[in-house]
PDB file of N, CA and C in Angstrom:
ATOM      1  N   MET A   1     -28.373  12.056  11.766  1.00  0.00           N
ATOM      2  CA  MET A   1     -28.400  12.139  10.320  1.00  0.00           C
ATOM      3  C   MET A   1     -27.966  10.792   9.735  1.00  0.00           C
ATOM      4  N   PRO A   2     -28.847  10.050   9.106  1.00  0.00           N
ATOM      5  CA  PRO A   2     -28.468   8.761   8.519  1.00  0.00           C
ATOM      6  C   PRO A   2     -27.669   8.926   7.229  1.00  0.00           C
ATOM      7  N   THR A   3     -26.764   8.010   7.013  1.00  0.00           N
ATOM      8  CA  THR A   3     -25.984   7.943   5.780  1.00  0.00           C
ATOM      9  C   THR A   3     -26.035   6.520   5.265  1.00  0.00           C
ATOM     10  N   THR A   4     -26.319   6.358   3.976  1.00  0.00           N
ATOM     11  CA  THR A   4     -26.338   5.054   3.332  1.00  0.00           C
ATOM     12  C   THR A   4     -25.362   5.083   2.165  1.00  0.00           C
ATOM     13  N   ASN A   5     -24.428   4.144   2.163  1.00  0.00           N
ATOM     14  CA  ASN A   5     -23.471   4.035   1.066  1.00  0.00           C
ATOM     15  C   ASN A   5     -23.635   2.674   0.395  1.00  0.00           C
ATOM     16  N   ALA A   6     -24.142   2.693  -0.822  1.00  0.00           N
ATOM     17  CA  ALA A   6     -24.287   1.459  -1.600  1.00  0.00           C
ATOM     18  C   ALA A   6     -22.903   0.960  -2.006  1.00  0.00           C
ATOM     19  N   PHE A   7     -22.806  -0.370  -2.189  1.00  0.00           N
ATOM     20  CA  PHE A   7     -21.557  -0.921  -2.716  1.00  0.00           C
ATOM     21  C   PHE A   7     -21.842  -2.147  -3.569  1.00  0.00           C
ATOM     22  N   ASN A   8     -20.954  -2.369  -4.555  1.00  0.00           N
ATOM     23  CA  ASN A   8     -21.125  -3.500  -5.461  1.00  0.00           C
ATOM     24  C   ASN A   8     -19.841  -4.299  -5.674  1.00  0.00           C
ATOM     25  N   ARG A   9     -18.796  -3.940  -4.935  1.00  0.00           N
ATOM     26  CA  ARG A   9     -17.516  -4.653  -5.003  1.00  0.00           C
ATOM     27  C   ARG A   9     -16.907  -4.661  -3.603  1.00  0.00           C
ATOM     28  N   TYR A  10     -16.006  -5.618  -3.370  1.00  0.00           N
ATOM     29  CA  TYR A  10     -15.376  -5.682  -2.058  1.00  0.00           C
ATOM     30  C   TYR A  10     -14.031  -6.390  -2.134  1.00  0.00           C
ATOM     31  N   THR A  11     -13.214  -6.159  -1.123  1.00  0.00           N
ATOM     32  CA  THR A  11     -12.005  -6.935  -0.884  1.00  0.00           C
ATOM     33  C   THR A  11     -12.026  -7.358   0.581  1.00  0.00           C
ATOM     34  N   VAL A  12     -11.333  -8.462   0.873  1.00  0.00           N
ATOM     35  CA  VAL A  12     -11.286  -9.010   2.221  1.00  0.00           C
ATOM     36  C   VAL A  12      -9.838  -9.083   2.671  1.00  0.00           C
ATOM     37  N   GLU A  13      -9.607  -8.733   3.937  1.00  0.00           N
ATOM     38  CA  GLU A  13      -8.296  -8.898   4.561  1.00  0.00           C
ATOM     39  C   GLU A  13      -8.489  -9.660   5.864  1.00  0.00           C
ATOM     40  N   ILE A  14      -7.682 -10.677   6.082  1.00  0.00           N
ATOM     41  CA  ILE A  14      -7.661 -11.393   7.354  1.00  0.00           C
ATOM     42  C   ILE A  14      -6.274 -11.163   7.938  1.00  0.00           C
ATOM     43  N   HIS A  15      -6.225 -10.646   9.167  1.00  0.00           N
ATOM     44  CA  HIS A  15      -4.959 -10.297   9.802  1.00  0.00           C
ATOM     45  C   HIS A  15      -4.541 -11.376  10.785  1.00  0.00           C
ATOM     46  N   GLY A  16      -3.242 -11.540  10.966  1.00  0.00           N
ATOM     47  CA  GLY A  16      -2.722 -12.462  11.964  1.00  0.00           C
ATOM     48  C   GLY A  16      -2.849 -11.865  13.361  1.00  0.00           C
ATOM     49  N   GLY A  17      -2.667 -12.702  14.360  1.00  0.00           N
ATOM     50  CA  GLY A  17      -2.753 -12.243  15.740  1.00  0.00           C
ATOM     51  C   GLY A  17      -4.158 -12.377  16.290  1.00  0.00           C
ATOM     52  N   ALA A  18      -4.271 -12.162  17.593  1.00  0.00           N
ATOM     53  CA  ALA A  18      -5.560 -12.340  18.248  1.00  0.00           C
ATOM     54  C   ALA A  18      -6.029 -11.078  18.949  1.00  0.00           C
ATOM     55  N   ASP A  19      -5.303 -10.003  18.812  1.00  0.00           N
ATOM     56  CA  ASP A  19      -5.679  -8.745  19.464  1.00  0.00           C
ATOM     57  C   ASP A  19      -5.997  -7.680  18.419  1.00  0.00           C
ATOM     58  N   GLY A  20      -6.916  -6.805  18.760  1.00  0.00           N
ATOM     59  CA  GLY A  20      -7.286  -5.734  17.840  1.00  0.00           C
ATOM     60  C   GLY A  20      -8.024  -6.274  16.629  1.00  0.00           C
ATOM     61  N   ARG A  21      -8.086  -5.472  15.597  1.00  0.00           N
ATOM     62  CA  ARG A  21      -8.814  -5.849  14.383  1.00  0.00           C
ATOM     63  C   ARG A  21      -8.128  -7.046  13.722  1.00  0.00           C
ATOM     64  N   VAL A  22      -8.903  -8.105  13.449  1.00  0.00           N
ATOM     65  CA  VAL A  22      -8.343  -9.308  12.838  1.00  0.00           C
ATOM     66  C   VAL A  22      -8.831  -9.533  11.417  1.00  0.00           C
ATOM     67  N   GLY A  23      -9.789  -8.731  10.966  1.00  0.00           N
ATOM     68  CA  GLY A  23     -10.281  -8.861   9.604  1.00  0.00           C
ATOM     69  C   GLY A  23     -10.957  -7.588   9.132  1.00  0.00           C
ATOM     70  N   LEU A  24     -10.976  -7.410   7.820  1.00  0.00           N
ATOM     71  CA  LEU A  24     -11.597  -6.237   7.201  1.00  0.00           C
ATOM     72  C   LEU A  24     -12.375  -6.657   5.966  1.00  0.00           C
ATOM     73  N   LEU A  25     -13.530  -6.058   5.784  1.00  0.00           N
ATOM     74  CA  LEU A  25     -14.262  -6.146   4.530  1.00  0.00           C
ATOM     75  C   LEU A  25     -14.294  -4.719   4.002  1.00  0.00           C
ATOM     76  N   LEU A  26     -13.558  -4.459   2.943  1.00  0.00           N
ATOM     77  CA  LEU A  26     -13.499  -3.128   2.336  1.00  0.00           C
ATOM     78  C   LEU A  26     -14.500  -3.069   1.196  1.00  0.00           C
ATOM     79  N   CYS A  27     -15.393  -2.080   1.222  1.00  0.00           N
ATOM     80  CA  CYS A  27     -16.521  -1.997   0.290  1.00  0.00           C
ATOM     81  C   CYS A  27     -16.346  -0.843  -0.688  1.00  0.00           C
ATOM     82  N   TYR A  28     -16.705  -1.084  -1.948  1.00  0.00           N
ATOM     83  CA  TYR A  28     -16.534  -0.100  -3.011  1.00  0.00           C
ATOM     84  C   TYR A  28     -17.793  -0.025  -3.876  1.00  0.00           C
ATOM     85  N   GLN A  29     -18.082   1.158  -4.350  1.00  0.00           N
ATOM     86  CA  GLN A  29     -19.096   1.347  -5.391  1.00  0.00           C
ATOM     87  C   GLN A  29     -18.298   1.625  -6.657  1.00  0.00           C
ATOM     88  N   GLY A  30     -18.194   0.612  -7.523  1.00  0.00           N
ATOM     89  CA  GLY A  30     -17.264   0.720  -8.646  1.00  0.00           C
ATOM     90  C   GLY A  30     -15.851   0.736  -8.076  1.00  0.00           C
ATOM     91  N   THR A  31     -15.107   1.804  -8.354  1.00  0.00           N
ATOM     92  CA  THR A  31     -13.765   1.934  -7.791  1.00  0.00           C
ATOM     93  C   THR A  31     -13.719   2.894  -6.600  1.00  0.00           C
ATOM     94  N   ALA A  32     -14.846   3.521  -6.276  1.00  0.00           N
ATOM     95  CA  ALA A  32     -14.892   4.490  -5.175  1.00  0.00           C
ATOM     96  C   ALA A  32     -15.135   3.780  -3.834  1.00  0.00           C
ATOM     97  N   PHE A  33     -14.310   4.096  -2.857  1.00  0.00           N
ATOM     98  CA  PHE A  33     -14.437   3.518  -1.520  1.00  0.00           C
ATOM     99  C   PHE A  33     -15.755   3.956  -0.896  1.00  0.00           C
ATOM    100  N   ALA A  34     -16.522   3.001  -0.298  1.00  0.00           N
ATOM    101  CA  ALA A  34     -17.812   3.302   0.325  1.00  0.00           C
ATOM    102  C   ALA A  34     -17.768   3.140   1.835  1.00  0.00           C
ATOM    103  N   GLY A  35     -16.873   2.296   2.328  1.00  0.00           N
ATOM    104  CA  GLY A  35     -16.764   2.054   3.757  1.00  0.00           C
ATOM    105  C   GLY A  35     -16.191   0.685   4.023  1.00  0.00           C
ATOM    106  N   ARG A  36     -16.258   0.265   5.301  1.00  0.00           N
ATOM    107  CA  ARG A  36     -15.666  -1.021   5.646  1.00  0.00           C
ATOM    108  C   ARG A  36     -16.354  -1.607   6.875  1.00  0.00           C
ATOM    109  N   ILE A  37     -16.144  -2.900   7.048  1.00  0.00           N
ATOM    110  CA  ILE A  37     -16.555  -3.585   8.265  1.00  0.00           C
ATOM    111  C   ILE A  37     -15.287  -4.138   8.897  1.00  0.00           C
ATOM    112  N   ASP A  38     -15.019  -3.740  10.145  1.00  0.00           N
ATOM    113  CA  ASP A  38     -13.874  -4.224  10.900  1.00  0.00           C
ATOM    114  C   ASP A  38     -14.326  -5.382  11.778  1.00  0.00           C
ATOM    115  N   PHE A  39     -13.561  -6.470  11.782  1.00  0.00           N
ATOM    116  CA  PHE A  39     -13.880  -7.639  12.601  1.00  0.00           C
ATOM    117  C   PHE A  39     -12.858  -7.775  13.723  1.00  0.00           C
ATOM    118  N   TYR A  40     -13.364  -8.040  14.931  1.00  0.00           N
ATOM    119  CA  TYR A  40     -12.537  -8.165  16.127  1.00  0.00           C
ATOM    120  C   TYR A  40     -12.742  -9.538  16.752  1.00  0.00           C
ATOM    121  N   PRO A  41     -11.758 -10.019  17.543  1.00  0.00           N
ATOM    122  CA  PRO A  41     -11.931 -11.308  18.207  1.00  0.00           C
ATOM    123  C   PRO A  41     -13.208 -11.325  19.051  1.00  0.00           C
ATOM    124  N   ASP A  42     -13.874 -12.455  19.075  1.00  0.00           N
ATOM    125  CA  ASP A  42     -15.072 -12.617  19.907  1.00  0.00           C
ATOM    126  C   ASP A  42     -14.717 -12.336  21.360  1.00  0.00           C
ATOM    127  N   GLY A  43     -15.651 -11.689  22.051  1.00  0.00           N
ATOM    128  CA  GLY A  43     -15.450 -11.379  23.457  1.00  0.00           C
ATOM    129  C   GLY A  43     -14.760 -10.050  23.714  1.00  0.00           C
ATOM    130  N   GLU A  44     -14.156  -9.481  22.680  1.00  0.00           N
ATOM    131  CA  GLU A  44     -13.497  -8.176  22.826  1.00  0.00           C
ATOM    132  C   GLU A  44     -14.548  -7.069  22.764  1.00  0.00           C
ATOM    133  N   THR A  45     -14.358  -6.021  23.556  1.00  0.00           N
ATOM    134  CA  THR A  45     -15.261  -4.878  23.490  1.00  0.00           C
ATOM    135  C   THR A  45     -15.073  -4.192  22.146  1.00  0.00           C
ATOM    136  N   LEU A  46     -16.179  -4.030  21.416  1.00  0.00           N
ATOM    137  CA  LEU A  46     -16.096  -3.441  20.080  1.00  0.00           C
ATOM    138  C   LEU A  46     -16.090  -1.919  20.156  1.00  0.00           C
ATOM    139  N   PRO A  47     -15.285  -1.272  19.304  1.00  0.00           N
ATOM    140  CA  PRO A  47     -15.388   0.182  19.183  1.00  0.00           C
ATOM    141  C   PRO A  47     -16.761   0.557  18.621  1.00  0.00           C
ATOM    142  N   GLN A  48     -17.142   1.794  18.746  1.00  0.00           N
ATOM    143  CA  GLN A  48     -18.410   2.309  18.223  1.00  0.00           C
ATOM    144  C   GLN A  48     -18.363   2.376  16.697  1.00  0.00           C
ATOM    145  N   ASP A  49     -19.476   2.053  16.027  1.00  0.00           N
ATOM    146  CA  ASP A  49     -19.587   2.302  14.588  1.00  0.00           C
ATOM    147  C   ASP A  49     -19.419   3.799  14.368  1.00  0.00           C
ATOM    148  N   TYR A  50     -18.887   4.185  13.195  1.00  0.00           N
ATOM    149  CA  TYR A  50     -18.714   5.612  12.955  1.00  0.00           C
ATOM    150  C   TYR A  50     -18.766   5.971  11.476  1.00  0.00           C
ATOM    151  N   LEU A  51     -19.016   7.238  11.234  1.00  0.00           N
ATOM    152  CA  LEU A  51     -18.967   7.815   9.900  1.00  0.00           C
ATOM    153  C   LEU A  51     -17.633   8.530   9.795  1.00  0.00           C
ATOM    154  N   TRP A  52     -16.821   8.112   8.862  1.00  0.00           N
ATOM    155  CA  TRP A  52     -15.469   8.634   8.693  1.00  0.00           C
ATOM    156  C   TRP A  52     -15.522   9.695   7.602  1.00  0.00           C
ATOM    157  N   ASN A  53     -15.329  10.948   7.981  1.00  0.00           N
ATOM    158  CA  ASN A  53     -15.391  12.083   7.053  1.00  0.00           C
ATOM    159  C   ASN A  53     -13.967  12.514   6.720  1.00  0.00           C
ATOM    160  N   VAL A  54     -13.515  12.133   5.547  1.00  0.00           N
ATOM    161  CA  VAL A  54     -12.134  12.443   5.176  1.00  0.00           C
ATOM    162  C   VAL A  54     -12.056  12.682   3.669  1.00  0.00           C
ATOM    163  N   GLY A  55     -11.250  13.651   3.285  1.00  0.00           N
ATOM    164  CA  GLY A  55     -11.030  13.936   1.873  1.00  0.00           C
ATOM    165  C   GLY A  55     -12.287  14.256   1.095  1.00  0.00           C
ATOM    166  N   GLY A  56     -13.277  14.842   1.744  1.00  0.00           N
ATOM    167  CA  GLY A  56     -14.519  15.187   1.078  1.00  0.00           C
ATOM    168  C   GLY A  56     -15.510  14.040   0.975  1.00  0.00           C
ATOM    169  N   GLY A  57     -15.121  12.841   1.444  1.00  0.00           N
ATOM    170  CA  GLY A  57     -16.018  11.693   1.400  1.00  0.00           C
ATOM    171  C   GLY A  57     -16.563  11.354   2.776  1.00  0.00           C
ATOM    172  N   HIS A  58     -17.631  10.595   2.797  1.00  0.00           N
ATOM    173  CA  HIS A  58     -18.268  10.138   4.028  1.00  0.00           C
ATOM    174  C   HIS A  58     -18.358   8.614   3.935  1.00  0.00           C
ATOM    175  N   TYR A  59     -17.582   7.926   4.763  1.00  0.00           N
ATOM    176  CA  TYR A  59     -17.453   6.480   4.677  1.00  0.00           C
ATOM    177  C   TYR A  59     -17.971   5.830   5.958  1.00  0.00           C
ATOM    178  N   VAL A  60     -18.804   4.817   5.815  1.00  0.00           N
ATOM    179  CA  VAL A  60     -19.366   4.109   6.953  1.00  0.00           C
ATOM    180  C   VAL A  60     -18.373   3.042   7.413  1.00  0.00           C
ATOM    181  N   VAL A  61     -18.115   3.012   8.727  1.00  0.00           N
ATOM    182  CA  VAL A  61     -17.226   2.004   9.316  1.00  0.00           C
ATOM    183  C   VAL A  61     -18.001   1.276  10.415  1.00  0.00           C
ATOM    184  N   LEU A  62     -18.210  -0.026  10.207  1.00  0.00           N
ATOM    185  CA  LEU A  62     -18.938  -0.855  11.159  1.00  0.00           C
ATOM    186  C   LEU A  62     -17.966  -1.759  11.902  1.00  0.00           C
ATOM    187  N   GLN A  63     -18.299  -2.091  13.144  1.00  0.00           N
ATOM    188  CA  GLN A  63     -17.469  -2.953  13.985  1.00  0.00           C
ATOM    189  C   GLN A  63     -18.263  -4.218  14.321  1.00  0.00           C
ATOM    190  N   MET A  64     -17.686  -5.385  14.084  1.00  0.00           N
ATOM    191  CA  MET A  64     -18.389  -6.636  14.358  1.00  0.00           C
ATOM    192  C   MET A  64     -17.430  -7.667  14.940  1.00  0.00           C
ATOM    193  N   PRO A  65     -17.977  -8.613  15.729  1.00  0.00           N
ATOM    194  CA  PRO A  65     -17.142  -9.712  16.208  1.00  0.00           C
ATOM    195  C   PRO A  65     -16.856 -10.685  15.064  1.00  0.00           C
ATOM    196  N   MET A  66     -15.745 -11.382  15.145  1.00  0.00           N
ATOM    197  CA  MET A  66     -15.349 -12.333  14.107  1.00  0.00           C
ATOM    198  C   MET A  66     -16.393 -13.430  13.914  1.00  0.00           C
ATOM    199  N   SER A  67     -17.191 -13.724  14.926  1.00  0.00           N
ATOM    200  CA  SER A  67     -18.222 -14.757  14.785  1.00  0.00           C
ATOM    201  C   SER A  67     -19.281 -14.379  13.753  1.00  0.00           C
ATOM    202  N   ARG A  68     -19.371 -13.125  13.370  1.00  0.00           N
ATOM    203  CA  ARG A  68     -20.329 -12.697  12.330  1.00  0.00           C
ATOM    204  C   ARG A  68     -19.736 -12.718  10.920  1.00  0.00           C
ATOM    205  N   PHE A  69     -18.445 -13.017  10.816  1.00  0.00           N
ATOM    206  CA  PHE A  69     -17.757 -12.951   9.529  1.00  0.00           C
ATOM    207  C   PHE A  69     -18.438 -13.821   8.469  1.00  0.00           C
ATOM    208  N   ASN A  70     -18.732 -15.086   8.789  1.00  0.00           N
ATOM    209  CA  ASN A  70     -19.349 -15.980   7.797  1.00  0.00           C
ATOM    210  C   ASN A  70     -20.724 -15.484   7.359  1.00  0.00           C
ATOM    211  N   ALA A  71     -21.519 -14.978   8.290  1.00  0.00           N
ATOM    212  CA  ALA A  71     -22.848 -14.452   7.932  1.00  0.00           C
ATOM    213  C   ALA A  71     -22.719 -13.232   7.032  1.00  0.00           C
ATOM    214  N   VAL A  72     -21.776 -12.355   7.340  1.00  0.00           N
ATOM    215  CA  VAL A  72     -21.564 -11.166   6.511  1.00  0.00           C
ATOM    216  C   VAL A  72     -21.098 -11.574   5.122  1.00  0.00           C
ATOM    217  N   MET A  73     -20.128 -12.486   5.049  1.00  0.00           N
ATOM    218  CA  MET A  73     -19.617 -12.905   3.742  1.00  0.00           C
ATOM    219  C   MET A  73     -20.693 -13.618   2.931  1.00  0.00           C
ATOM    220  N   SER A  74     -21.524 -14.400   3.569  1.00  0.00           N
ATOM    221  CA  SER A  74     -22.625 -15.063   2.870  1.00  0.00           C
ATOM    222  C   SER A  74     -23.586 -14.019   2.294  1.00  0.00           C
ATOM    223  N   THR A  75     -23.904 -13.007   3.072  1.00  0.00           N
ATOM    224  CA  THR A  75     -24.789 -11.935   2.597  1.00  0.00           C
ATOM    225  C   THR A  75     -24.164 -11.201   1.419  1.00  0.00           C
ATOM    226  N   VAL A  76     -22.899 -10.860   1.526  1.00  0.00           N
ATOM    227  CA  VAL A  76     -22.213 -10.112   0.462  1.00  0.00           C
ATOM    228  C   VAL A  76     -22.133 -10.937  -0.823  1.00  0.00           C
ATOM    229  N   ARG A  77     -21.909 -12.220  -0.695  1.00  0.00           N
ATOM    230  CA  ARG A  77     -21.779 -13.084  -1.881  1.00  0.00           C
ATOM    231  C   ARG A  77     -23.118 -13.393  -2.549  1.00  0.00           C
ATOM    232  N   GLN A  78     -24.209 -13.421  -1.774  1.00  0.00           N
ATOM    233  CA  GLN A  78     -25.475 -13.903  -2.319  1.00  0.00           C
ATOM    234  C   GLN A  78     -26.532 -12.838  -2.560  1.00  0.00           C
ATOM    235  N   GLU A  79     -26.408 -11.690  -1.957  1.00  0.00           N
ATOM    236  CA  GLU A  79     -27.460 -10.680  -2.054  1.00  0.00           C
ATOM    237  C   GLU A  79     -27.002  -9.450  -2.834  1.00  0.00           C
ATOM    238  N   LYS A  80     -27.947  -8.750  -3.408  1.00  0.00           N
ATOM    239  CA  LYS A  80     -27.719  -7.452  -4.019  1.00  0.00           C
ATOM    240  C   LYS A  80     -29.051  -6.774  -4.226  1.00  0.00           C
ATOM    241  N   PRO A  81     -29.142  -5.515  -4.230  1.00  0.00           N
ATOM    242  CA  PRO A  81     -28.070  -4.566  -3.930  1.00  0.00           C
ATOM    243  C   PRO A  81     -27.771  -4.527  -2.432  1.00  0.00           C
ATOM    244  N   LEU A  82     -26.580  -4.039  -2.091  1.00  0.00           N
ATOM    245  CA  LEU A  82     -26.129  -3.954  -0.711  1.00  0.00           C
ATOM    246  C   LEU A  82     -25.713  -2.532  -0.362  1.00  0.00           C
ATOM    247  N   ALA A  83     -25.798  -2.229   0.923  1.00  0.00           N
ATOM    248  CA  ALA A  83     -25.391  -0.898   1.391  1.00  0.00           C
ATOM    249  C   ALA A  83     -24.919  -0.980   2.831  1.00  0.00           C
ATOM    250  N   LEU A  84     -24.029  -0.066   3.174  1.00  0.00           N
ATOM    251  CA  LEU A  84     -23.645   0.171   4.559  1.00  0.00           C
ATOM    252  C   LEU A  84     -24.465   1.364   5.022  1.00  0.00           C
ATOM    253  N   TYR A  85     -25.041   1.256   6.203  1.00  0.00           N
ATOM    254  CA  TYR A  85     -25.928   2.294   6.722  1.00  0.00           C
ATOM    255  C   TYR A  85     -25.458   2.686   8.115  1.00  0.00           C
ATOM    256  N   ILE A  86     -25.539   3.983   8.427  1.00  0.00           N
ATOM    257  CA  ILE A  86     -25.257   4.442   9.779  1.00  0.00           C
ATOM    258  C   ILE A  86     -26.184   5.597  10.130  1.00  0.00           C
ATOM    259  N   ASP A  87     -26.661   5.572  11.355  1.00  0.00           N
ATOM    260  CA  ASP A  87     -27.452   6.665  11.906  1.00  0.00           C
ATOM    261  C   ASP A  87     -26.551   7.359  12.918  1.00  0.00           C
ATOM    262  N   VAL A  88     -26.088   8.542  12.589  1.00  0.00           N
ATOM    263  CA  VAL A  88     -25.134   9.270  13.416  1.00  0.00           C
ATOM    264  C   VAL A  88     -25.816   9.759  14.686  1.00  0.00           C
ATOM    265  N   ILE A  89     -25.122   9.550  15.835  1.00  0.00           N
ATOM    266  CA  ILE A  89     -25.678   9.973  17.116  1.00  0.00           C
ATOM    267  C   ILE A  89     -24.860  11.042  17.819  1.00  0.00           C
ATOM    268  N   ALA A  90     -23.561  11.148  17.523  1.00  0.00           N
ATOM    269  CA  ALA A  90     -22.731  12.125  18.231  1.00  0.00           C
ATOM    270  C   ALA A  90     -21.430  12.358  17.491  1.00  0.00           C
ATOM    271  N   GLY A  91     -20.834  13.533  17.732  1.00  0.00           N
ATOM    272  CA  GLY A  91     -19.510  13.825  17.208  1.00  0.00           C
ATOM    273  C   GLY A  91     -19.531  14.815  16.065  1.00  0.00           C
ATOM    274  N   THR A  92     -18.366  15.336  15.807  1.00  0.00           N
ATOM    275  CA  THR A  92     -18.168  16.268  14.702  1.00  0.00           C
ATOM    276  C   THR A  92     -16.791  16.009  14.110  1.00  0.00           C
ATOM    277  N   GLY A  93     -16.507  16.623  13.008  1.00  0.00           N
ATOM    278  CA  GLY A  93     -15.185  16.510  12.411  1.00  0.00           C
ATOM    279  C   GLY A  93     -15.006  15.232  11.622  1.00  0.00           C
ATOM    280  N   ALA A  94     -13.796  14.651  11.735  1.00  0.00           N
ATOM    281  CA  ALA A  94     -13.433  13.495  10.920  1.00  0.00           C
ATOM    282  C   ALA A  94     -14.206  12.237  11.299  1.00  0.00           C
ATOM    283  N   THR A  95     -14.623  12.132  12.563  1.00  0.00           N
ATOM    284  CA  THR A  95     -15.296  10.923  13.017  1.00  0.00           C
ATOM    285  C   THR A  95     -16.565  11.280  13.763  1.00  0.00           C
ATOM    286  N   THR A  96     -17.695  10.754  13.307  1.00  0.00           N
ATOM    287  CA  THR A  96     -18.955  10.932  14.019  1.00  0.00           C
ATOM    288  C   THR A  96     -19.502   9.553  14.358  1.00  0.00           C
ATOM    289  N   LEU A  97     -19.852   9.360  15.621  1.00  0.00           N
ATOM    290  CA  LEU A  97     -20.286   8.053  16.106  1.00  0.00           C
ATOM    291  C   LEU A  97     -21.726   7.777  15.735  1.00  0.00           C
ATOM    292  N   GLY A  98     -22.070   6.503  15.632  1.00  0.00           N
ATOM    293  CA  GLY A  98     -23.433   6.149  15.300  1.00  0.00           C
ATOM    294  C   GLY A  98     -23.700   4.680  15.471  1.00  0.00           C
ATOM    295  N   HIS A  99     -24.864   4.260  15.029  1.00  0.00           N
ATOM    296  CA  HIS A  99     -25.269   2.863  15.021  1.00  0.00           C
ATOM    297  C   HIS A  99     -25.469   2.466  13.566  1.00  0.00           C
ATOM    298  N   GLY A 100     -24.769   1.433  13.128  1.00  0.00           N
ATOM    299  CA  GLY A 100     -24.845   1.088  11.721  1.00  0.00           C
ATOM    300  C   GLY A 100     -25.133  -0.366  11.475  1.00  0.00           C
ATOM    301  N   HIS A 101     -25.332  -0.687  10.195  1.00  0.00           N
ATOM    302  CA  HIS A 101     -25.539  -2.068   9.792  1.00  0.00           C
ATOM    303  C   HIS A 101     -25.323  -2.253   8.299  1.00  0.00           C
ATOM    304  N   LEU A 102     -25.155  -3.511   7.935  1.00  0.00           N
ATOM    305  CA  LEU A 102     -25.108  -3.941   6.542  1.00  0.00           C
ATOM    306  C   LEU A 102     -26.526  -4.315   6.175  1.00  0.00           C
ATOM    307  N   ARG A 103     -26.990  -3.852   5.011  1.00  0.00           N
ATOM    308  CA  ARG A 103     -28.370  -4.203   4.661  1.00  0.00           C
ATOM    309  C   ARG A 103     -28.534  -4.421   3.165  1.00  0.00           C
ATOM    310  N   THR A 104     -29.583  -5.175   2.864  1.00  0.00           N
ATOM    311  CA  THR A 104     -29.993  -5.350   1.480  1.00  0.00           C
ATOM    312  C   THR A 104     -30.986  -4.238   1.171  1.00  0.00           C
ATOM    313  N   SER A 105     -31.527  -4.257  -0.043  1.00  0.00           N
ATOM    314  CA  SER A 105     -32.513  -3.238  -0.386  1.00  0.00           C
ATOM    315  C   SER A 105     -33.705  -3.351   0.557  1.00  0.00           C
ATOM    316  N   GLU A 106     -34.467  -2.303   0.687  1.00  0.00           N
ATOM    317  CA  GLU A 106     -35.591  -2.297   1.620  1.00  0.00           C
ATOM    318  C   GLU A 106     -36.650  -3.330   1.258  1.00  0.00           C
ATOM    319  N   HIS A 107     -36.819  -3.610  -0.017  1.00  0.00           N
ATOM    320  CA  HIS A 107     -37.841  -4.561  -0.450  1.00  0.00           C
ATOM    321  C   HIS A 107     -37.181  -5.650  -1.283  1.00  0.00           C
ATOM    322  N   GLU A 108     -36.557  -6.582  -0.592  1.00  0.00           N
ATOM    323  CA  GLU A 108     -35.854  -7.683  -1.235  1.00  0.00           C
ATOM    324  C   GLU A 108     -36.865  -8.633  -1.870  1.00  0.00           C
ATOM    325  N   PRO A 109     -36.669  -9.022  -3.135  1.00  0.00           N
ATOM    326  CA  PRO A 109     -37.587  -9.963  -3.766  1.00  0.00           C
ATOM    327  C   PRO A 109     -37.537 -11.320  -3.081  1.00  0.00           C
ATOM    328  N   VAL A 110     -38.678 -11.927  -2.851  1.00  0.00           N
ATOM    329  CA  VAL A 110     -38.758 -13.249  -2.264  1.00  0.00           C
ATOM    330  C   VAL A 110     -38.184 -14.262  -3.257  1.00  0.00           C
ATOM    331  N   GLY A 111     -37.361 -15.173  -2.767  1.00  0.00           N
ATOM    332  CA  GLY A 111     -36.801 -16.210  -3.626  1.00  0.00           C
ATOM    333  C   GLY A 111     -35.743 -15.738  -4.586  1.00  0.00           C
ATOM    334  N   GLU A 112     -35.138 -14.556  -4.320  1.00  0.00           N
ATOM    335  CA  GLU A 112     -34.133 -14.009  -5.233  1.00  0.00           C
ATOM    336  C   GLU A 112     -32.996 -14.995  -5.471  1.00  0.00           C
ATOM    337  N   GLU A 113     -32.498 -15.629  -4.402  1.00  0.00           N
ATOM    338  CA  GLU A 113     -31.376 -16.536  -4.542  1.00  0.00           C
ATOM    339  C   GLU A 113     -31.728 -17.742  -5.401  1.00  0.00           C
ATOM    340  N   GLU A 114     -32.921 -18.264  -5.253  1.00  0.00           N
ATOM    341  CA  GLU A 114     -33.327 -19.432  -6.014  1.00  0.00           C
ATOM    342  C   GLU A 114     -33.478 -19.126  -7.505  1.00  0.00           C
ATOM    343  N   ALA A 115     -33.740 -17.873  -7.833  1.00  0.00           N
ATOM    344  CA  ALA A 115     -33.941 -17.505  -9.248  1.00  0.00           C
ATOM    345  C   ALA A 115     -32.639 -17.324  -9.998  1.00  0.00           C
ATOM    346  N   THR A 116     -31.513 -17.291  -9.270  1.00  0.00           N
ATOM    347  CA  THR A 116     -30.231 -17.075  -9.929  1.00  0.00           C
ATOM    348  C   THR A 116     -29.626 -18.419 -10.335  1.00  0.00           C
ATOM    349  N   PRO A 117     -29.190 -18.510 -11.585  1.00  0.00           N
ATOM    350  CA  PRO A 117     -28.592 -19.787 -12.037  1.00  0.00           C
ATOM    351  C   PRO A 117     -27.271 -20.062 -11.358  1.00  0.00           C
TER     352      PRO A 117
END
């Protein structure tokens, strides 16, 4: 079952240390939480992407290596509309595993960035 959560605002956290999650991109649609992208040190085995079902909401959580941080931030800063997407493959309850990604709209206008002042 795929889930797509659009977002138009974000906050960034960079954590100290070299083990476990070292960065977060927290995504919001207005003031409502939509999901997050967790960043881990390069070379570390990444946890599975998942759909976090809590408090009546369904939030997409993606896992990426820190080497993708600049590409993700560039996409978030320059493109719109944006969404977190996950295709659930297994699990029930609070956490269901899946394969997810950050994406722009399905039909992105050509030259959108150049048209913005």
